[in-house]
Amino acid sequence: MHVGILTLTLYLPDCHSLKEKRGRIKPIIARLRKEFNVSVVESDHQDSWQSCQLLIACAASDGIIAEKTLGQVITFYENHWPDLPLTDEKIEIIY
């Protein structure tokens, strides 16, 4: 079994409060969980209004499959939320 971990750092330019940020992030987390059956959590920048770091994990029988799935998550995110640009992305595969 292999575990893939994707770290996405998002820029939320129009958020002016933590409540507004939470309202923008919550649907993204729910949609990624539903579409890809992955675990998603906000892992850092929790006190920052305009920045968010999501940690996305998936388990697979092969590292290539995990990496492919996480690559699809990145593409899906960029296609569905172009108004919230990614400032950083990193994929790690644990064997």
PDB file of N, CA and C in Angstrom:
ATOM      1  N   MET A   1       0.842  -1.175   0.000  1.00  0.00           N
ATOM      2  CA  MET A   1       0.000   0.000   0.000  1.00  0.00           C
ATOM      3  C   MET A   1       0.886   1.236   0.000  1.00  0.00           C
ATOM      4  N   HIS A   2       0.448   2.235  -0.760  1.00  0.00           N
ATOM      5  CA  HIS A   2       1.150   3.506  -0.861  1.00  0.00           C
ATOM      6  C   HIS A   2       0.197   4.629  -0.475  1.00  0.00           C
ATOM      7  N   VAL A   3       0.763   5.660   0.093  1.00  0.00           N
ATOM      8  CA  VAL A   3      -0.035   6.824   0.486  1.00  0.00           C
ATOM      9  C   VAL A   3       0.495   8.037  -0.265  1.00  0.00           C
ATOM     10  N   GLY A   4      -0.417   8.755  -0.882  1.00  0.00           N
ATOM     11  CA  GLY A   4      -0.064   9.986  -1.575  1.00  0.00           C
ATOM     12  C   GLY A   4      -0.555  11.171  -0.771  1.00  0.00           C
ATOM     13  N   ILE A   5       0.293  12.178  -0.632  1.00  0.00           N
ATOM     14  CA  ILE A   5      -0.062  13.382   0.112  1.00  0.00           C
ATOM     15  C   ILE A   5       0.164  14.591  -0.788  1.00  0.00           C
ATOM     16  N   LEU A   6      -0.878  15.377  -0.945  1.00  0.00           N
ATOM     17  CA  LEU A   6      -0.829  16.590  -1.755  1.00  0.00           C
ATOM     18  C   LEU A   6      -1.025  17.791  -0.838  1.00  0.00           C
ATOM     19  N   THR A   7      -0.130  18.742  -0.940  1.00  0.00           N
ATOM     20  CA  THR A   7      -0.253  19.983  -0.179  1.00  0.00           C
ATOM     21  C   THR A   7      -0.545  21.099  -1.174  1.00  0.00           C
ATOM     22  N   LEU A   8      -1.693  21.744  -1.006  1.00  0.00           N
ATOM     23  CA  LEU A   8      -2.078  22.870  -1.856  1.00  0.00           C
ATOM     24  C   LEU A   8      -2.120  24.136  -1.002  1.00  0.00           C
ATOM     25  N   THR A   9      -1.490  25.184  -1.468  1.00  0.00           N
ATOM     26  CA  THR A   9      -1.576  26.476  -0.805  1.00  0.00           C
ATOM     27  C   THR A   9      -2.378  27.392  -1.724  1.00  0.00           C
ATOM     28  N   LEU A  10      -3.459  27.927  -1.194  1.00  0.00           N
ATOM     29  CA  LEU A  10      -4.387  28.739  -1.974  1.00  0.00           C
ATOM     30  C   LEU A  10      -4.281  30.201  -1.575  1.00  0.00           C
ATOM     31  N   TYR A  11      -4.551  31.067  -2.534  1.00  0.00           N
ATOM     32  CA  TYR A  11      -4.641  32.498  -2.274  1.00  0.00           C
ATOM     33  C   TYR A  11      -6.097  32.899  -2.435  1.00  0.00           C
ATOM     34  N   LEU A  12      -6.671  33.495  -1.410  1.00  0.00           N
ATOM     35  CA  LEU A  12      -8.073  33.908  -1.407  1.00  0.00           C
ATOM     36  C   LEU A  12      -8.129  35.441  -1.375  1.00  0.00           C
ATOM     37  N   PRO A  13      -8.022  36.092  -2.527  1.00  0.00           N
ATOM     38  CA  PRO A  13      -7.865  37.548  -2.541  1.00  0.00           C
ATOM     39  C   PRO A  13      -9.081  38.331  -2.052  1.00  0.00           C
ATOM     40  N   ASP A  14     -10.274  37.781  -2.153  1.00  0.00           N
ATOM     41  CA  ASP A  14     -11.489  38.522  -1.810  1.00  0.00           C
ATOM     42  C   ASP A  14     -11.992  38.263  -0.396  1.00  0.00           C
ATOM     43  N   CYS A  15     -11.280  37.488   0.391  1.00  0.00           N
ATOM     44  CA  CYS A  15     -11.721  37.195   1.752  1.00  0.00           C
ATOM     45  C   CYS A  15     -11.227  38.280   2.708  1.00  0.00           C
ATOM     46  N   HIS A  16     -12.160  38.760   3.552  1.00  0.00           N
ATOM     47  CA  HIS A  16     -11.818  39.819   4.488  1.00  0.00           C
ATOM     48  C   HIS A  16     -12.132  39.444   5.933  1.00  0.00           C
ATOM     49  N   SER A  17     -12.451  38.164   6.146  1.00  0.00           N
ATOM     50  CA  SER A  17     -12.679  37.675   7.501  1.00  0.00           C
ATOM     51  C   SER A  17     -12.498  36.158   7.501  1.00  0.00           C
ATOM     52  N   LEU A  18     -12.288  35.601   8.680  1.00  0.00           N
ATOM     53  CA  LEU A  18     -12.148  34.145   8.782  1.00  0.00           C
ATOM     54  C   LEU A  18     -13.462  33.449   8.443  1.00  0.00           C
ATOM     55  N   LYS A  19     -14.570  34.074   8.773  1.00  0.00           N
ATOM     56  CA  LYS A  19     -15.879  33.500   8.452  1.00  0.00           C
ATOM     57  C   LYS A  19     -16.079  33.415   6.936  1.00  0.00           C
ATOM     58  N   GLU A  20     -15.683  34.454   6.235  1.00  0.00           N
ATOM     59  CA  GLU A  20     -15.788  34.468   4.776  1.00  0.00           C
ATOM     60  C   GLU A  20     -14.860  33.411   4.166  1.00  0.00           C
ATOM     61  N   LYS A  21     -13.657  33.286   4.723  1.00  0.00           N
ATOM     62  CA  LYS A  21     -12.700  32.279   4.255  1.00  0.00           C
ATOM     63  C   LYS A  21     -13.283  30.877   4.437  1.00  0.00           C
ATOM     64  N   ARG A  22     -13.840  30.620   5.609  1.00  0.00           N
ATOM     65  CA  ARG A  22     -14.430  29.310   5.896  1.00  0.00           C
ATOM     66  C   ARG A  22     -15.557  28.995   4.911  1.00  0.00           C
ATOM     67  N   GLY A  23     -16.336  30.021   4.573  1.00  0.00           N
ATOM     68  CA  GLY A  23     -17.423  29.843   3.619  1.00  0.00           C
ATOM     69  C   GLY A  23     -16.934  29.502   2.222  1.00  0.00           C
ATOM     70  N   ARG A  24     -15.745  29.956   1.857  1.00  0.00           N
ATOM     71  CA  ARG A  24     -15.178  29.639   0.540  1.00  0.00           C
ATOM     72  C   ARG A  24     -14.496  28.274   0.521  1.00  0.00           C
ATOM     73  N   ILE A  25     -13.872  27.901   1.648  1.00  0.00           N
ATOM     74  CA  ILE A  25     -13.085  26.664   1.708  1.00  0.00           C
ATOM     75  C   ILE A  25     -13.957  25.426   1.909  1.00  0.00           C
ATOM     76  N   LYS A  26     -14.999  25.550   2.699  1.00  0.00           N
ATOM     77  CA  LYS A  26     -15.834  24.397   3.041  1.00  0.00           C
ATOM     78  C   LYS A  26     -16.399  23.670   1.808  1.00  0.00           C
ATOM     79  N   PRO A  27     -16.951  24.385   0.815  1.00  0.00           N
ATOM     80  CA  PRO A  27     -17.454  23.687  -0.379  1.00  0.00           C
ATOM     81  C   PRO A  27     -16.348  23.012  -1.197  1.00  0.00           C
ATOM     82  N   ILE A  28     -15.155  23.600  -1.190  1.00  0.00           N
ATOM     83  CA  ILE A  28     -14.033  23.001  -1.916  1.00  0.00           C
ATOM     84  C   ILE A  28     -13.668  21.668  -1.277  1.00  0.00           C
ATOM     85  N   ILE A  29     -13.551  21.649   0.044  1.00  0.00           N
ATOM     86  CA  ILE A  29     -13.206  20.426   0.759  1.00  0.00           C
ATOM     87  C   ILE A  29     -14.260  19.351   0.513  1.00  0.00           C
ATOM     88  N   ALA A  30     -15.533  19.708   0.603  1.00  0.00           N
ATOM     89  CA  ALA A  30     -16.615  18.740   0.397  1.00  0.00           C
ATOM     90  C   ALA A  30     -16.596  18.187  -1.025  1.00  0.00           C
ATOM     91  N   ARG A  31     -16.361  19.044  -2.000  1.00  0.00           N
ATOM     92  CA  ARG A  31     -16.370  18.602  -3.398  1.00  0.00           C
ATOM     93  C   ARG A  31     -15.194  17.674  -3.707  1.00  0.00           C
ATOM     94  N   LEU A  32     -14.017  18.000  -3.187  1.00  0.00           N
ATOM     95  CA  LEU A  32     -12.855  17.138  -3.428  1.00  0.00           C
ATOM     96  C   LEU A  32     -13.048  15.773  -2.780  1.00  0.00           C
ATOM     97  N   ARG A  33     -13.613  15.756  -1.569  1.00  0.00           N
ATOM     98  CA  ARG A  33     -13.894  14.474  -0.907  1.00  0.00           C
ATOM     99  C   ARG A  33     -14.863  13.641  -1.732  1.00  0.00           C
ATOM    100  N   LYS A  34     -15.900  14.276  -2.237  1.00  0.00           N
ATOM    101  CA  LYS A  34     -16.929  13.566  -2.999  1.00  0.00           C
ATOM    102  C   LYS A  34     -16.404  13.052  -4.347  1.00  0.00           C
ATOM    103  N   GLU A  35     -15.697  13.909  -5.064  1.00  0.00           N
ATOM    104  CA  GLU A  35     -15.250  13.556  -6.418  1.00  0.00           C
ATOM    105  C   GLU A  35     -14.142  12.502  -6.435  1.00  0.00           C
ATOM    106  N   PHE A  36     -13.227  12.567  -5.457  1.00  0.00           N
ATOM    107  CA  PHE A  36     -12.031  11.722  -5.518  1.00  0.00           C
ATOM    108  C   PHE A  36     -11.896  10.726  -4.375  1.00  0.00           C
ATOM    109  N   ASN A  37     -12.817  10.737  -3.418  1.00  0.00           N
ATOM    110  CA  ASN A  37     -12.757   9.846  -2.263  1.00  0.00           C
ATOM    111  C   ASN A  37     -11.395   9.959  -1.557  1.00  0.00           C
ATOM    112  N   VAL A  38     -11.012  11.191  -1.274  1.00  0.00           N
ATOM    113  CA  VAL A  38      -9.752  11.476  -0.590  1.00  0.00           C
ATOM    114  C   VAL A  38     -10.050  12.136   0.755  1.00  0.00           C
ATOM    115  N   SER A  39      -9.055  12.166   1.602  1.00  0.00           N
ATOM    116  CA  SER A  39      -9.171  12.889   2.871  1.00  0.00           C
ATOM    117  C   SER A  39      -8.619  14.292   2.666  1.00  0.00           C
ATOM    118  N   VAL A  40      -9.360  15.287   3.144  1.00  0.00           N
ATOM    119  CA  VAL A  40      -8.949  16.686   2.971  1.00  0.00           C
ATOM    120  C   VAL A  40      -9.099  17.413   4.298  1.00  0.00           C
ATOM    121  N   VAL A  41      -8.083  18.197   4.660  1.00  0.00           N
ATOM    122  CA  VAL A  41      -8.140  18.993   5.885  1.00  0.00           C
ATOM    123  C   VAL A  41      -7.373  20.294   5.654  1.00  0.00           C
ATOM    124  N   GLU A  42      -7.844  21.347   6.306  1.00  0.00           N
ATOM    125  CA  GLU A  42      -7.097  22.606   6.290  1.00  0.00           C
ATOM    126  C   GLU A  42      -5.991  22.465   7.321  1.00  0.00           C
ATOM    127  N   SER A  43      -4.755  22.501   6.881  1.00  0.00           N
ATOM    128  CA  SER A  43      -3.647  22.153   7.769  1.00  0.00           C
ATOM    129  C   SER A  43      -2.812  23.329   8.258  1.00  0.00           C
ATOM    130  N   ASP A  44      -2.877  24.453   7.588  1.00  0.00           N
ATOM    131  CA  ASP A  44      -2.051  25.586   8.002  1.00  0.00           C
ATOM    132  C   ASP A  44      -2.715  26.878   7.555  1.00  0.00           C
ATOM    133  N   HIS A  45      -2.172  27.997   7.977  1.00  0.00           N
ATOM    134  CA  HIS A  45      -2.693  29.335   7.663  1.00  0.00           C
ATOM    135  C   HIS A  45      -4.125  29.507   8.174  1.00  0.00           C
ATOM    136  N   GLN A  46      -4.460  28.879   9.278  1.00  0.00           N
ATOM    137  CA  GLN A  46      -5.832  28.911   9.774  1.00  0.00           C
ATOM    138  C   GLN A  46      -6.228  30.273  10.332  1.00  0.00           C
ATOM    139  N   ASP A  47      -5.273  31.101  10.698  1.00  0.00           N
ATOM    140  CA  ASP A  47      -5.577  32.430  11.222  1.00  0.00           C
ATOM    141  C   ASP A  47      -5.408  33.529  10.173  1.00  0.00           C
ATOM    142  N   SER A  48      -5.077  33.137   8.970  1.00  0.00           N
ATOM    143  CA  SER A  48      -4.875  34.103   7.895  1.00  0.00           C
ATOM    144  C   SER A  48      -6.129  34.182   7.027  1.00  0.00           C
ATOM    145  N   TRP A  49      -6.559  35.377   6.696  1.00  0.00           N
ATOM    146  CA  TRP A  49      -7.784  35.548   5.905  1.00  0.00           C
ATOM    147  C   TRP A  49      -7.612  35.160   4.447  1.00  0.00           C
ATOM    148  N   GLN A  50      -6.465  35.471   3.880  1.00  0.00           N
ATOM    149  CA  GLN A  50      -6.309  35.340   2.436  1.00  0.00           C
ATOM    150  C   GLN A  50      -5.394  34.202   2.007  1.00  0.00           C
ATOM    151  N   SER A  51      -5.084  33.318   2.909  1.00  0.00           N
ATOM    152  CA  SER A  51      -4.228  32.191   2.584  1.00  0.00           C
ATOM    153  C   SER A  51      -4.778  30.937   3.254  1.00  0.00           C
ATOM    154  N   CYS A  52      -4.635  29.818   2.555  1.00  0.00           N
ATOM    155  CA  CYS A  52      -5.136  28.550   3.082  1.00  0.00           C
ATOM    156  C   CYS A  52      -4.238  27.428   2.580  1.00  0.00           C
ATOM    157  N   GLN A  53      -3.965  26.473   3.437  1.00  0.00           N
ATOM    158  CA  GLN A  53      -3.209  25.298   3.022  1.00  0.00           C
ATOM    159  C   GLN A  53      -4.075  24.069   3.257  1.00  0.00           C
ATOM    160  N   LEU A  54      -4.309  23.329   2.180  1.00  0.00           N
ATOM    161  CA  LEU A  54      -5.075  22.093   2.266  1.00  0.00           C
ATOM    162  C   LEU A  54      -4.130  20.917   2.151  1.00  0.00           C
ATOM    163  N   LEU A  55      -4.364  19.917   2.976  1.00  0.00           N
ATOM    164  CA  LEU A  55      -3.609  18.671   2.935  1.00  0.00           C
ATOM    165  C   LEU A  55      -4.575  17.599   2.452  1.00  0.00           C
ATOM    166  N   ILE A  56      -4.222  16.934   1.358  1.00  0.00           N
ATOM    167  CA  ILE A  56      -5.093  15.943   0.724  1.00  0.00           C
ATOM    168  C   ILE A  56      -4.330  14.623   0.682  1.00  0.00           C
ATOM    169  N   ALA A  57      -4.962  13.559   1.176  1.00  0.00           N
ATOM    170  CA  ALA A  57      -4.295  12.259   1.237  1.00  0.00           C
ATOM    171  C   ALA A  57      -5.145  11.195   0.568  1.00  0.00           C
ATOM    172  N   CYS A  58      -4.471  10.262  -0.090  1.00  0.00           N
ATOM    173  CA  CYS A  58      -5.170   9.110  -0.664  1.00  0.00           C
ATOM    174  C   CYS A  58      -4.282   7.880  -0.517  1.00  0.00           C
ATOM    175  N   ALA A  59      -4.918   6.745  -0.412  1.00  0.00           N
ATOM    176  CA  ALA A  59      -4.210   5.464  -0.331  1.00  0.00           C
ATOM    177  C   ALA A  59      -4.465   4.705  -1.621  1.00  0.00           C
ATOM    178  N   ALA A  60      -3.440   4.009  -2.097  1.00  0.00           N
ATOM    179  CA  ALA A  60      -3.570   3.244  -3.340  1.00  0.00           C
ATOM    180  C   ALA A  60      -2.644   2.042  -3.291  1.00  0.00           C
ATOM    181  N   SER A  61      -2.928   1.080  -4.141  1.00  0.00           N
ATOM    182  CA  SER A  61      -2.100  -0.127  -4.193  1.00  0.00           C
ATOM    183  C   SER A  61      -0.756   0.136  -4.848  1.00  0.00           C
ATOM    184  N   ASP A  62      -0.665   1.224  -5.617  1.00  0.00           N
ATOM    185  CA  ASP A  62       0.568   1.560  -6.323  1.00  0.00           C
ATOM    186  C   ASP A  62       0.815   3.061  -6.216  1.00  0.00           C
ATOM    187  N   GLY A  63       2.066   3.452  -6.082  1.00  0.00           N
ATOM    188  CA  GLY A  63       2.414   4.860  -5.972  1.00  0.00           C
ATOM    189  C   GLY A  63       2.051   5.662  -7.202  1.00  0.00           C
ATOM    190  N   ILE A  64       2.113   5.025  -8.365  1.00  0.00           N
ATOM    191  CA  ILE A  64       1.776   5.709  -9.619  1.00  0.00           C
ATOM    192  C   ILE A  64       0.298   6.082  -9.638  1.00  0.00           C
ATOM    193  N   ILE A  65      -0.538   5.202  -9.129  1.00  0.00           N
ATOM    194  CA  ILE A  65      -1.981   5.474  -9.079  1.00  0.00           C
ATOM    195  C   ILE A  65      -2.262   6.633  -8.126  1.00  0.00           C
ATOM    196  N   ALA A  66      -1.603   6.635  -6.973  1.00  0.00           N
ATOM    197  CA  ALA A  66      -1.784   7.721  -6.007  1.00  0.00           C
ATOM    198  C   ALA A  66      -1.341   9.051  -6.617  1.00  0.00           C
ATOM    199  N   GLU A  67      -0.201   9.051  -7.294  1.00  0.00           N
ATOM    200  CA  GLU A  67       0.302  10.281  -7.911  1.00  0.00           C
ATOM    201  C   GLU A  67      -0.632  10.765  -9.018  1.00  0.00           C
ATOM    202  N   LYS A  68      -1.176   9.839  -9.789  1.00  0.00           N
ATOM    203  CA  LYS A  68      -2.117  10.197 -10.857  1.00  0.00           C
ATOM    204  C   LYS A  68      -3.392  10.810 -10.268  1.00  0.00           C
ATOM    205  N   THR A  69      -3.907  10.205  -9.214  1.00  0.00           N
ATOM    206  CA  THR A  69      -5.118  10.713  -8.564  1.00  0.00           C
ATOM    207  C   THR A  69      -4.899  12.129  -8.044  1.00  0.00           C
ATOM    208  N   LEU A  70      -3.770  12.357  -7.382  1.00  0.00           N
ATOM    209  CA  LEU A  70      -3.497  13.675  -6.830  1.00  0.00           C
ATOM    210  C   LEU A  70      -3.255  14.704  -7.932  1.00  0.00           C
ATOM    211  N   GLY A  71      -2.687  14.275  -9.041  1.00  0.00           N
ATOM    212  CA  GLY A  71      -2.551  15.160 -10.208  1.00  0.00           C
ATOM    213  C   GLY A  71      -3.911  15.557 -10.759  1.00  0.00           C
ATOM    214  N   GLN A  72      -4.862  14.615 -10.749  1.00  0.00           N
ATOM    215  CA  GLN A  72      -6.219  14.913 -11.189  1.00  0.00           C
ATOM    216  C   GLN A  72      -6.907  15.886 -10.236  1.00  0.00           C
ATOM    217  N   VAL A  73      -6.602  15.777  -8.949  1.00  0.00           N
ATOM    218  CA  VAL A  73      -7.155  16.711  -7.965  1.00  0.00           C
ATOM    219  C   VAL A  73      -6.686  18.140  -8.283  1.00  0.00           C
ATOM    220  N   ILE A  74      -5.413  18.299  -8.599  1.00  0.00           N
ATOM    221  CA  ILE A  74      -4.873  19.619  -8.939  1.00  0.00           C
ATOM    222  C   ILE A  74      -5.576  20.182 -10.168  1.00  0.00           C
ATOM    223  N   THR A  75      -5.699  19.383 -11.208  1.00  0.00           N
ATOM    224  CA  THR A  75      -6.362  19.827 -12.441  1.00  0.00           C
ATOM    225  C   THR A  75      -7.817  20.188 -12.178  1.00  0.00           C
ATOM    226  N   PHE A  76      -8.507  19.354 -11.409  1.00  0.00           N
ATOM    227  CA  PHE A  76      -9.911  19.601 -11.067  1.00  0.00           C
ATOM    228  C   PHE A  76     -10.040  20.923 -10.309  1.00  0.00           C
ATOM    229  N   TYR A  77      -9.173  21.140  -9.335  1.00  0.00           N
ATOM    230  CA  TYR A  77      -9.209  22.378  -8.565  1.00  0.00           C
ATOM    231  C   TYR A  77      -9.013  23.588  -9.476  1.00  0.00           C
ATOM    232  N   GLU A  78      -7.981  23.545 -10.306  1.00  0.00           N
ATOM    233  CA  GLU A  78      -7.672  24.686 -11.180  1.00  0.00           C
ATOM    234  C   GLU A  78      -8.808  24.976 -12.163  1.00  0.00           C
ATOM    235  N   ASN A  79      -9.514  23.936 -12.603  1.00  0.00           N
ATOM    236  CA  ASN A  79     -10.621  24.126 -13.543  1.00  0.00           C
ATOM    237  C   ASN A  79     -11.873  24.675 -12.872  1.00  0.00           C
ATOM    238  N   HIS A  80     -12.106  24.310 -11.627  1.00  0.00           N
ATOM    239  CA  HIS A  80     -13.349  24.690 -10.952  1.00  0.00           C
ATOM    240  C   HIS A  80     -13.246  25.953 -10.097  1.00  0.00           C
ATOM    241  N   TRP A  81     -12.069  26.316  -9.673  1.00  0.00           N
ATOM    242  CA  TRP A  81     -11.898  27.505  -8.826  1.00  0.00           C
ATOM    243  C   TRP A  81     -10.765  28.383  -9.349  1.00  0.00           C
ATOM    244  N   PRO A  82     -10.903  28.907 -10.567  1.00  0.00           N
ATOM    245  CA  PRO A  82      -9.825  29.741 -11.121  1.00  0.00           C
ATOM    246  C   PRO A  82      -9.673  31.079 -10.386  1.00  0.00           C
ATOM    247  N   ASP A  83     -10.701  31.489  -9.638  1.00  0.00           N
ATOM    248  CA  ASP A  83     -10.636  32.745  -8.898  1.00  0.00           C
ATOM    249  C   ASP A  83      -9.847  32.625  -7.591  1.00  0.00           C
ATOM    250  N   LEU A  84      -9.494  31.394  -7.211  1.00  0.00           N
ATOM    251  CA  LEU A  84      -8.688  31.139  -6.010  1.00  0.00           C
ATOM    252  C   LEU A  84      -7.393  30.453  -6.448  1.00  0.00           C
ATOM    253  N   PRO A  85      -6.415  31.218  -6.897  1.00  0.00           N
ATOM    254  CA  PRO A  85      -5.216  30.609  -7.488  1.00  0.00           C
ATOM    255  C   PRO A  85      -4.360  29.845  -6.476  1.00  0.00           C
ATOM    256  N   LEU A  86      -3.678  28.846  -6.995  1.00  0.00           N
ATOM    257  CA  LEU A  86      -2.715  28.080  -6.201  1.00  0.00           C
ATOM    258  C   LEU A  86      -1.410  28.851  -6.142  1.00  0.00           C
ATOM    259  N   THR A  87      -0.844  28.973  -4.964  1.00  0.00           N
ATOM    260  CA  THR A  87       0.470  29.597  -4.844  1.00  0.00           C
ATOM    261  C   THR A  87       1.564  28.550  -4.670  1.00  0.00           C
ATOM    262  N   ASP A  88       1.162  27.325  -4.291  1.00  0.00           N
ATOM    263  CA  ASP A  88       2.141  26.250  -4.134  1.00  0.00           C
ATOM    264  C   ASP A  88       1.414  24.912  -4.159  1.00  0.00           C
ATOM    265  N   GLU A  89       2.064  23.920  -4.692  1.00  0.00           N
ATOM    266  CA  GLU A  89       1.532  22.560  -4.694  1.00  0.00           C
ATOM    267  C   GLU A  89       2.705  21.589  -4.584  1.00  0.00           C
ATOM    268  N   LYS A  90       2.483  20.505  -3.817  1.00  0.00           N
ATOM    269  CA  LYS A  90       3.553  19.530  -3.630  1.00  0.00           C
ATOM    270  C   LYS A  90       2.929  18.149  -3.440  1.00  0.00           C
ATOM    271  N   ILE A  91       3.420  17.178  -4.181  1.00  0.00           N
ATOM    272  CA  ILE A  91       2.953  15.794  -4.061  1.00  0.00           C
ATOM    273  C   ILE A  91       4.086  14.963  -3.457  1.00  0.00           C
ATOM    274  N   GLU A  92       3.727  14.177  -2.437  1.00  0.00           N
ATOM    275  CA  GLU A  92       4.671  13.238  -1.829  1.00  0.00           C
ATOM    276  C   GLU A  92       4.030  11.852  -1.868  1.00  0.00           C
ATOM    277  N   ILE A  93       4.817  10.856  -2.170  1.00  0.00           N
ATOM    278  CA  ILE A  93       4.352   9.469  -2.151  1.00  0.00           C
ATOM    279  C   ILE A  93       5.157   8.718  -1.083  1.00  0.00           C
ATOM    280  N   ILE A  94       4.434   8.098  -0.164  1.00  0.00           N
ATOM    281  CA  ILE A  94       5.073   7.329   0.898  1.00  0.00           C
ATOM    282  C   ILE A  94       4.901   5.844   0.579  1.00  0.00           C
ATOM    283  N   TYR A  95       6.036   5.139   0.467  1.00  0.00           N
ATOM    284  CA  TYR A  95       6.006   3.727   0.122  1.00  0.00           C
ATOM    285  C   TYR A  95       6.048   2.857   1.337  1.00  0.00           C
TER     286      TYR A  95
END
